[in-house]
Amino acid sequence: MTALQQLGVVKTKVRRNSSIHEVDAQNIVPGDIVLVEEGDIITADMRILKSSKLQVNESTMTGESLPVNKNPEPL
């Protein structure tokens, strides 16, 4: 049963106190800087600080079939 529960746990890399930690996505808190790489699952609403040609598949939320460009410009 424990092995099945671990299949549903998504890990995320965050920068806290000048070091990088891997935490369960459900444990992200305001102020965490999340490090995202190709293929990662984005599990929270975030502001982009820095990116290079970032595209996100939002099909599970919007139904849009094409990747959406993202950038760090102010909203």
Protein backbone atom coordinates (compact mmCIF):
# COMPACT_ATOMS: atom_id res chain seq x y z
CA MET A 1 0.00 0.00 0.00
CA THR A 2 2.85 2.41 0.84
CA ALA A 3 4.41 1.82 -2.59
CA LEU A 4 1.13 2.78 -4.28
CA GLN A 5 0.87 5.97 -2.24
CA GLN A 6 4.43 6.94 -3.25
CA LEU A 7 3.47 6.71 -6.95
CA GLY A 8 1.16 9.69 -6.49
CA VAL A 9 3.76 11.88 -4.73
CA VAL A 10 5.29 14.58 -6.94
CA LYS A 11 8.68 15.95 -5.87
CA THR A 12 9.75 19.51 -6.62
CA LYS A 13 13.14 21.22 -6.34
CA VAL A 14 13.04 24.44 -4.32
CA ARG A 15 15.62 26.95 -3.17
CA ARG A 16 15.29 27.71 0.54
CA ASN A 17 17.88 29.55 2.60
CA SER A 18 20.39 29.58 -0.28
CA SER A 19 20.36 25.80 -0.75
CA ILE A 20 18.39 23.45 -3.00
CA HIS A 21 16.00 20.91 -1.48
CA GLU A 22 13.71 18.31 -3.02
CA VAL A 23 10.32 18.43 -1.30
CA ASP A 24 6.89 16.95 -1.86
CA ALA A 25 5.00 19.37 -4.11
CA GLN A 26 2.26 19.69 -1.49
CA ASN A 27 4.85 21.22 0.86
CA ILE A 28 5.71 24.25 -1.32
CA VAL A 29 5.24 27.45 0.68
CA PRO A 30 5.07 31.14 -0.26
CA GLY A 31 8.62 32.43 -0.72
CA ASP A 32 10.01 29.18 -2.14
CA ILE A 33 11.88 29.56 -5.40
CA VAL A 34 10.91 26.55 -7.52
CA LEU A 35 13.46 25.21 -10.02
CA VAL A 36 11.78 23.78 -13.11
CA GLU A 37 13.44 21.65 -15.80
CA GLU A 38 12.16 20.05 -19.00
CA GLY A 39 9.57 17.39 -18.25
CA ASP A 40 8.80 18.58 -14.70
CA ILE A 41 5.23 18.76 -13.49
CA ILE A 42 4.35 22.27 -12.32
CA THR A 43 2.20 21.82 -9.26
CA ALA A 44 1.46 25.37 -8.14
CA ASP A 45 0.64 28.82 -9.42
CA MET A 46 3.97 30.66 -9.68
CA ARG A 47 5.57 33.86 -10.86
CA ILE A 48 8.39 33.31 -13.36
CA LEU A 49 11.61 35.03 -12.31
CA LYS A 50 13.89 33.80 -15.09
CA SER A 51 13.38 31.53 -18.10
CA SER A 52 14.70 30.62 -21.51
CA LYS A 53 12.13 29.67 -24.19
CA LEU A 54 9.71 28.29 -21.59
CA GLN A 55 6.60 26.57 -22.93
CA VAL A 56 3.98 24.87 -20.78
CA ASN A 57 1.44 22.19 -21.67
CA GLU A 58 -1.77 23.46 -20.04
CA SER A 59 -4.07 20.89 -21.65
CA THR A 60 -5.22 19.39 -18.34
CA MET A 61 -6.42 22.82 -17.16
CA THR A 62 -7.60 24.56 -20.34
CA GLY A 63 -8.00 21.84 -22.96
CA GLU A 64 -5.59 23.75 -25.22
CA SER A 65 -3.62 21.22 -27.25
CA LEU A 66 -0.60 23.40 -28.05
CA PRO A 67 2.13 24.48 -25.58
CA VAL A 68 1.78 28.03 -24.25
CA ASN A 69 4.79 30.40 -24.20
CA LYS A 70 5.65 31.80 -20.76
CA ASN A 71 7.96 34.68 -19.88
CA PRO A 72 9.13 36.57 -16.77
CA GLU A 73 7.70 39.96 -17.85
CA PRO A 74 5.43 41.72 -15.32
CA LEU A 75 1.72 41.01 -15.68
